[in-house]
Amino acid sequence: MSVSIANQIKSVIVAEGYTMKQVLDMLVYEYGWSESLSNFSRKLHTGKIKYAEVLQIAEVLGYEISWQKH
């Protein structure tokens, strides 16, 4: 995952009026994520985030990710 994808995720978080910490709190509650904000930030920054985790982020923000053929 490139940094631009991380920036897209962060942009959606901000656009929805949340902070990274608030989203992490939702992920901890819904999916049992680690409470470490630094781990969450590092996953986004380094691109070492799993696709399943991206789907969970989308879900707690009220989004779904779909594949469209072009």
N, C-alpha and C. Protein backbone atom coordinates (compact mmCIF):
# COMPACT_ATOMS: atom_id res chain seq x y z
N MET A 1 0.86 -1.17 0.00
CA MET A 1 0.00 0.00 0.00
C MET A 1 0.90 1.22 0.00
N SER A 2 0.60 2.15 -0.86
CA SER A 2 1.43 3.34 -0.94
C SER A 2 0.96 4.39 0.07
N VAL A 3 1.80 5.38 0.25
CA VAL A 3 1.46 6.46 1.17
C VAL A 3 0.20 7.17 0.71
N SER A 4 -0.04 7.25 -0.60
CA SER A 4 -1.25 7.93 -1.07
C SER A 4 -2.52 7.22 -0.60
N ILE A 5 -2.47 5.91 -0.48
CA ILE A 5 -3.63 5.18 0.03
C ILE A 5 -3.84 5.50 1.50
N ALA A 6 -2.73 5.55 2.25
CA ALA A 6 -2.81 5.95 3.66
C ALA A 6 -3.41 7.34 3.78
N ASN A 7 -3.00 8.23 2.90
CA ASN A 7 -3.55 9.59 2.91
C ASN A 7 -5.03 9.59 2.57
N GLN A 8 -5.45 8.70 1.68
CA GLN A 8 -6.87 8.59 1.35
C GLN A 8 -7.67 8.15 2.57
N ILE A 9 -7.15 7.17 3.28
CA ILE A 9 -7.84 6.70 4.49
C ILE A 9 -7.91 7.82 5.51
N LYS A 10 -6.81 8.50 5.72
CA LYS A 10 -6.79 9.62 6.69
C LYS A 10 -7.75 10.72 6.25
N SER A 11 -7.83 10.99 4.96
CA SER A 11 -8.74 12.01 4.45
C SER A 11 -10.19 11.67 4.73
N VAL A 12 -10.55 10.40 4.56
CA VAL A 12 -11.93 9.98 4.84
C VAL A 12 -12.21 10.12 6.34
N ILE A 13 -11.24 9.76 7.16
CA ILE A 13 -11.41 9.90 8.61
C ILE A 13 -11.71 11.36 8.96
N VAL A 14 -10.92 12.27 8.42
CA VAL A 14 -11.11 13.70 8.70
C VAL A 14 -12.43 14.19 8.11
N ALA A 15 -12.74 13.78 6.88
CA ALA A 15 -13.98 14.22 6.23
C ALA A 15 -15.21 13.79 7.00
N GLU A 16 -15.12 12.66 7.67
CA GLU A 16 -16.25 12.17 8.47
C GLU A 16 -16.28 12.81 9.86
N GLY A 17 -15.31 13.66 10.14
CA GLY A 17 -15.30 14.39 11.40
C GLY A 17 -14.70 13.63 12.57
N TYR A 18 -13.89 12.63 12.29
CA TYR A 18 -13.26 11.83 13.33
C TYR A 18 -11.78 12.12 13.41
N THR A 19 -11.20 11.77 14.54
CA THR A 19 -9.75 11.75 14.68
C THR A 19 -9.29 10.31 14.52
N MET A 20 -8.01 10.13 14.33
CA MET A 20 -7.46 8.78 14.24
C MET A 20 -7.75 8.02 15.54
N LYS A 21 -7.64 8.68 16.67
CA LYS A 21 -7.89 8.05 17.96
C LYS A 21 -9.34 7.59 18.08
N GLN A 22 -10.29 8.40 17.61
CA GLN A 22 -11.69 8.02 17.67
C GLN A 22 -11.96 6.78 16.80
N VAL A 23 -11.38 6.76 15.62
CA VAL A 23 -11.55 5.61 14.73
C VAL A 23 -10.91 4.38 15.36
N LEU A 24 -9.73 4.55 15.93
CA LEU A 24 -9.08 3.43 16.59
C LEU A 24 -9.95 2.90 17.74
N ASP A 25 -10.54 3.80 18.50
CA ASP A 25 -11.42 3.37 19.59
C ASP A 25 -12.59 2.53 19.06
N MET A 26 -13.14 2.93 17.92
CA MET A 26 -14.23 2.15 17.31
C MET A 26 -13.73 0.78 16.87
N LEU A 27 -12.52 0.74 16.32
CA LEU A 27 -11.94 -0.52 15.86
C LEU A 27 -11.63 -1.45 17.04
N VAL A 28 -11.19 -0.87 18.13
CA VAL A 28 -10.93 -1.66 19.35
C VAL A 28 -12.24 -2.28 19.83
N TYR A 29 -13.29 -1.47 19.87
CA TYR A 29 -14.59 -1.94 20.35
C TYR A 29 -15.20 -3.00 19.43
N GLU A 30 -15.19 -2.72 18.12
CA GLU A 30 -15.87 -3.60 17.15
C GLU A 30 -15.07 -4.85 16.80
N TYR A 31 -13.74 -4.70 16.71
CA TYR A 31 -12.95 -5.79 16.15
C TYR A 31 -11.78 -6.24 17.04
N GLY A 32 -11.65 -5.64 18.21
CA GLY A 32 -10.60 -6.07 19.12
C GLY A 32 -9.19 -5.65 18.73
N TRP A 33 -9.08 -4.55 17.97
CA TRP A 33 -7.76 -4.06 17.58
C TRP A 33 -6.96 -3.68 18.82
N SER A 34 -5.65 -3.61 18.65
CA SER A 34 -4.77 -3.08 19.69
C SER A 34 -5.11 -1.61 19.93
N GLU A 35 -5.00 -1.17 21.16
CA GLU A 35 -5.32 0.22 21.50
C GLU A 35 -4.18 1.19 21.19
N SER A 36 -3.12 0.72 20.59
CA SER A 36 -1.95 1.55 20.34
C SER A 36 -2.15 2.43 19.11
N LEU A 37 -2.24 3.73 19.35
CA LEU A 37 -2.38 4.69 18.25
C LEU A 37 -1.13 4.69 17.38
N SER A 38 0.03 4.51 18.00
CA SER A 38 1.26 4.50 17.21
C SER A 38 1.30 3.30 16.27
N ASN A 39 0.79 2.15 16.70
CA ASN A 39 0.73 0.99 15.80
C ASN A 39 -0.19 1.25 14.62
N PHE A 40 -1.35 1.86 14.89
CA PHE A 40 -2.31 2.19 13.84
C PHE A 40 -1.68 3.15 12.83
N SER A 41 -1.07 4.20 13.33
CA SER A 41 -0.41 5.18 12.45
C SER A 41 0.71 4.54 11.65
N ARG A 42 1.49 3.67 12.29
CA ARG A 42 2.60 3.02 11.60
C ARG A 42 2.09 2.11 10.49
N LYS A 43 0.99 1.38 10.75
CA LYS A 43 0.42 0.52 9.72
C LYS A 43 0.06 1.32 8.48
N LEU A 44 -0.55 2.48 8.70
CA LEU A 44 -0.93 3.31 7.56
C LEU A 44 0.30 3.87 6.86
N HIS A 45 1.24 4.38 7.64
CA HIS A 45 2.41 5.03 7.05
C HIS A 45 3.31 4.07 6.29
N THR A 46 3.50 2.88 6.83
CA THR A 46 4.41 1.92 6.19
C THR A 46 3.72 1.07 5.13
N GLY A 47 2.38 1.08 5.13
CA GLY A 47 1.67 0.25 4.17
C GLY A 47 1.56 -1.20 4.62
N LYS A 48 1.84 -1.47 5.89
CA LYS A 48 1.77 -2.84 6.41
C LYS A 48 0.42 -3.11 7.05
N ILE A 49 -0.62 -2.67 6.37
CA ILE A 49 -1.99 -2.88 6.84
C ILE A 49 -2.64 -3.93 5.96
N LYS A 50 -3.37 -4.82 6.56
CA LYS A 50 -4.02 -5.90 5.82
C LYS A 50 -5.29 -5.38 5.15
N TYR A 51 -5.63 -6.02 4.05
CA TYR A 51 -6.85 -5.66 3.34
C TYR A 51 -8.06 -5.80 4.26
N ALA A 52 -8.08 -6.84 5.07
CA ALA A 52 -9.20 -7.04 6.01
C ALA A 52 -9.29 -5.87 6.99
N GLU A 53 -8.16 -5.32 7.38
CA GLU A 53 -8.16 -4.17 8.29
C GLU A 53 -8.70 -2.92 7.60
N VAL A 54 -8.36 -2.76 6.34
CA VAL A 54 -8.89 -1.63 5.56
C VAL A 54 -10.41 -1.75 5.47
N LEU A 55 -10.89 -2.96 5.25
CA LEU A 55 -12.34 -3.18 5.20
C LEU A 55 -13.00 -2.84 6.54
N GLN A 56 -12.33 -3.16 7.63
CA GLN A 56 -12.87 -2.85 8.95
C GLN A 56 -12.89 -1.34 9.20
N ILE A 57 -11.86 -0.64 8.76
CA ILE A 57 -11.84 0.82 8.88
C ILE A 57 -13.02 1.40 8.10
N ALA A 58 -13.18 0.94 6.88
CA ALA A 58 -14.29 1.42 6.06
C ALA A 58 -15.62 1.16 6.75
N GLU A 59 -15.78 -0.01 7.31
CA GLU A 59 -17.04 -0.38 7.97
C GLU A 59 -17.36 0.54 9.14
N VAL A 60 -16.38 0.80 10.01
CA VAL A 60 -16.68 1.66 11.17
C VAL A 60 -16.95 3.10 10.76
N LEU A 61 -16.48 3.48 9.56
CA LEU A 61 -16.74 4.83 9.06
C LEU A 61 -18.03 4.90 8.23
N GLY A 62 -18.69 3.75 8.06
CA GLY A 62 -19.94 3.73 7.31
C GLY A 62 -19.76 3.58 5.81
N TYR A 63 -18.63 3.04 5.40
CA TYR A 63 -18.33 2.85 3.98
C TYR A 63 -18.23 1.38 3.66
N GLU A 64 -18.32 1.07 2.39
CA GLU A 64 -17.99 -0.26 1.91
C GLU A 64 -17.07 -0.09 0.72
N ILE A 65 -16.22 -1.03 0.54
CA ILE A 65 -15.29 -1.00 -0.58
C ILE A 65 -15.79 -2.01 -1.61
N SER A 66 -15.91 -1.55 -2.84
CA SER A 66 -16.38 -2.45 -3.88
C SER A 66 -15.42 -2.43 -5.05
N TRP A 67 -15.43 -3.52 -5.76
CA TRP A 67 -14.59 -3.65 -6.95
C TRP A 67 -15.44 -3.38 -8.17
N GLN A 68 -14.95 -2.53 -9.04
CA GLN A 68 -15.66 -2.23 -10.28
C GLN A 68 -14.73 -2.47 -11.45
N LYS A 69 -15.22 -3.20 -12.40
CA LYS A 69 -14.43 -3.44 -13.61
C LYS A 69 -14.50 -2.19 -14.48
N HIS A 70 -13.36 -1.81 -15.04
CA HIS A 70 -13.37 -0.64 -15.93
C HIS A 70 -13.14 -1.02 -17.33
